[in-house]
C-alpha atoms as a PDB file:
ATOM      1  CA  MET A   1       0.000   0.000   0.000  1.00  0.00           C
ATOM      2  CA  ALA A   2       1.360   3.406  -0.969  1.00  0.00           C
ATOM      3  CA  ASP A   3       1.982   6.064   1.628  1.00  0.00           C
ATOM      4  CA  ALA A   4      -1.004   8.439   1.612  1.00  0.00           C
ATOM      5  CA  ARG A   5       1.005  11.338   3.069  1.00  0.00           C
ATOM      6  CA  VAL A   6       1.655  14.127   0.618  1.00  0.00           C
ATOM      7  CA  PRO A   7       4.177  16.957   1.193  1.00  0.00           C
ATOM      8  CA  VAL A   8       2.497  20.280   1.928  1.00  0.00           C
ATOM      9  CA  PRO A   9       4.556  23.431   1.305  1.00  0.00           C
ATOM     10  CA  LEU A  10       4.168  26.047   4.040  1.00  0.00           C
ATOM     11  CA  GLN A  11       5.744  29.472   4.441  1.00  0.00           C
ATOM     12  CA  TYR A  12       7.129  30.168   7.904  1.00  0.00           C
ATOM     13  CA  ARG A  13       6.354  33.898   7.537  1.00  0.00           C
ATOM     14  CA  ASP A  14       2.666  33.237   6.825  1.00  0.00           C
ATOM     15  CA  PRO A  15       0.682  34.671   9.784  1.00  0.00           C
ATOM     16  CA  ASP A  16      -1.480  31.518   9.766  1.00  0.00           C
ATOM     17  CA  VAL A  17       1.390  29.018   9.551  1.00  0.00           C
ATOM     18  CA  ILE A  18       0.826  27.584  13.048  1.00  0.00           C
ATOM     19  CA  GLN A  19      -2.802  26.748  12.298  1.00  0.00           C
ATOM     20  CA  LYS A  20      -1.890  25.407   8.849  1.00  0.00           C
ATOM     21  CA  VAL A  21       0.703  23.064  10.357  1.00  0.00           C
ATOM     22  CA  LYS A  22      -1.833  21.853  12.918  1.00  0.00           C
ATOM     23  CA  ASP A  23      -4.430  21.380  10.170  1.00  0.00           C
ATOM     24  CA  VAL A  24      -2.012  19.106   8.298  1.00  0.00           C
ATOM     25  CA  ALA A  25      -0.360  17.285  11.211  1.00  0.00           C
ATOM     26  CA  GLY A  26      -3.031  17.425  13.879  1.00  0.00           C
ATOM     27  CA  ASN A  27      -1.825  17.184  17.455  1.00  0.00           C
ATOM     28  CA  ASN A  28       0.972  14.747  16.603  1.00  0.00           C
ATOM     29  CA  ILE A  29       4.189  16.759  16.337  1.00  0.00           C
ATOM     30  CA  THR A  30       6.643  15.980  19.134  1.00  0.00           C
ATOM     31  CA  HIS A  31       9.955  17.048  17.529  1.00  0.00           C
ATOM     32  CA  VAL A  32      10.841  20.258  15.682  1.00  0.00           C
ATOM     33  CA  LEU A  33      14.113  21.423  14.142  1.00  0.00           C
ATOM     34  CA  ASP A  34      14.156  25.211  13.783  1.00  0.00           C
ATOM     35  CA  ALA A  35      16.966  25.918  11.327  1.00  0.00           C
ATOM     36  CA  ILE A  36      16.098  29.621  11.153  1.00  0.00           C
ATOM     37  CA  SER A  37      16.135  30.133  14.933  1.00  0.00           C
ATOM     38  CA  GLU A  38      14.783  33.671  15.050  1.00  0.00           C
ATOM     39  CA  LYS A  39      12.739  34.602  18.114  1.00  0.00           C
ATOM     40  CA  ASP A  40       9.438  34.330  16.203  1.00  0.00           C
ATOM     41  CA  THR A  41      10.287  30.970  14.625  1.00  0.00           C
ATOM     42  CA  GLN A  42      11.302  29.531  17.993  1.00  0.00           C
ATOM     43  CA  PHE A  43       7.983  30.497  19.586  1.00  0.00           C
ATOM     44  CA  ALA A  44       6.072  29.281  16.500  1.00  0.00           C
ATOM     45  CA  SER A  45       7.934  25.971  16.694  1.00  0.00           C
ATOM     46  CA  LEU A  46       6.793  25.556  20.291  1.00  0.00           C
ATOM     47  CA  ALA A  47       3.227  26.359  19.283  1.00  0.00           C
ATOM     48  CA  VAL A  48       3.037  23.550  16.704  1.00  0.00           C
ATOM     49  CA  LEU A  49       4.170  20.883  19.158  1.00  0.00           C
ATOM     50  CA  ALA A  50       1.506  18.499  20.438  1.00  0.00           C
ATOM     51  CA  GLU A  51      -0.233  20.021  23.431  1.00  0.00           C
ATOM     52  CA  ASP A  52      -0.582  16.869  25.516  1.00  0.00           C
ATOM     53  CA  LYS A  53       2.767  15.198  24.827  1.00  0.00           C
ATOM     54  CA  PRO A  54       6.325  15.994  25.861  1.00  0.00           C
ATOM     55  CA  GLY A  55       8.389  17.344  22.984  1.00  0.00           C
ATOM     56  CA  LYS A  56      11.783  18.438  21.773  1.00  0.00           C
ATOM     57  CA  LEU A  57      12.771  21.631  19.971  1.00  0.00           C
ATOM     58  CA  ALA A  58      16.231  21.837  18.420  1.00  0.00           C
ATOM     59  CA  ILE A  59      17.437  25.264  17.339  1.00  0.00           C
ATOM     60  CA  VAL A  60      20.570  26.201  15.431  1.00  0.00           C
ATOM     61  CA  LEU A  61      21.273  29.588  17.019  1.00  0.00           C
ATOM     62  CA  SER A  62      20.982  30.827  20.596  1.00  0.00           C
ATOM     63  CA  HIS A  63      17.785  30.475  22.578  1.00  0.00           C
ATOM     64  CA  ALA A  64      15.368  33.397  22.500  1.00  0.00           C
ATOM     65  CA  GLU A  65      14.878  34.969  25.901  1.00  0.00           C
ATOM     66  CA  GLY A  66      12.173  33.126  27.820  1.00  0.00           C
ATOM     67  CA  ILE A  67      11.810  30.283  25.320  1.00  0.00           C
ATOM     68  CA  GLN A  68      12.623  27.601  27.888  1.00  0.00           C
ATOM     69  CA  ASP A  69       9.971  28.947  30.252  1.00  0.00           C
ATOM     70  CA  VAL A  70       7.057  28.573  27.811  1.00  0.00           C
ATOM     71  CA  ARG A  71       6.581  24.815  28.189  1.00  0.00           C
ATOM     72  CA  LYS A  72       8.235  22.795  30.905  1.00  0.00           C
ATOM     73  CA  ASP A  73       7.451  19.544  29.043  1.00  0.00           C
ATOM     74  CA  VAL A  74       9.514  20.561  25.997  1.00  0.00           C
ATOM     75  CA  ARG A  75      13.272  20.130  25.941  1.00  0.00           C
ATOM     76  CA  VAL A  76      14.937  22.992  24.032  1.00  0.00           C
ATOM     77  CA  THR A  77      18.450  22.371  22.753  1.00  0.00           C
ATOM     78  CA  SER A  78      20.793  24.597  20.786  1.00  0.00           C
ATOM     79  CA  SER A  79      23.873  23.854  18.723  1.00  0.00           C
ATOM     80  CA  SER A  80      25.435  27.234  19.467  1.00  0.00           C
ATOM     81  CA  ILE A  81      28.360  27.329  21.836  1.00  0.00           C
ATOM     82  CA  PRO A  82      27.810  29.497  24.929  1.00  0.00           C
ATOM     83  CA  LYS A  83      30.095  32.500  25.285  1.00  0.00           C
ATOM     84  CA  SER A  84      32.873  32.268  27.831  1.00  0.00           C
ATOM     85  CA  SER A  85      32.367  34.273  31.018  1.00  0.00           C
ATOM     86  CA  ALA A  86      36.021  35.308  30.932  1.00  0.00           C
END
């Protein structure tokens, strides 16, 4: 049986992108990779994660201020190296 899933192109700058992602994926997303990592994309990435399941958000750049406080059940990781306190 062929896979019935079909790719759906979405624009991250679309003001309705969060709802469009949820319309396509439902409440099933538990992992997001935010390769853009701007403040708005980080918060949008959190918003598309399933509401009743723990999740993971991986970002390429530094965390936006307050991003880790939005959802305690989501692990936010970043590939950027923290600055030295020296």
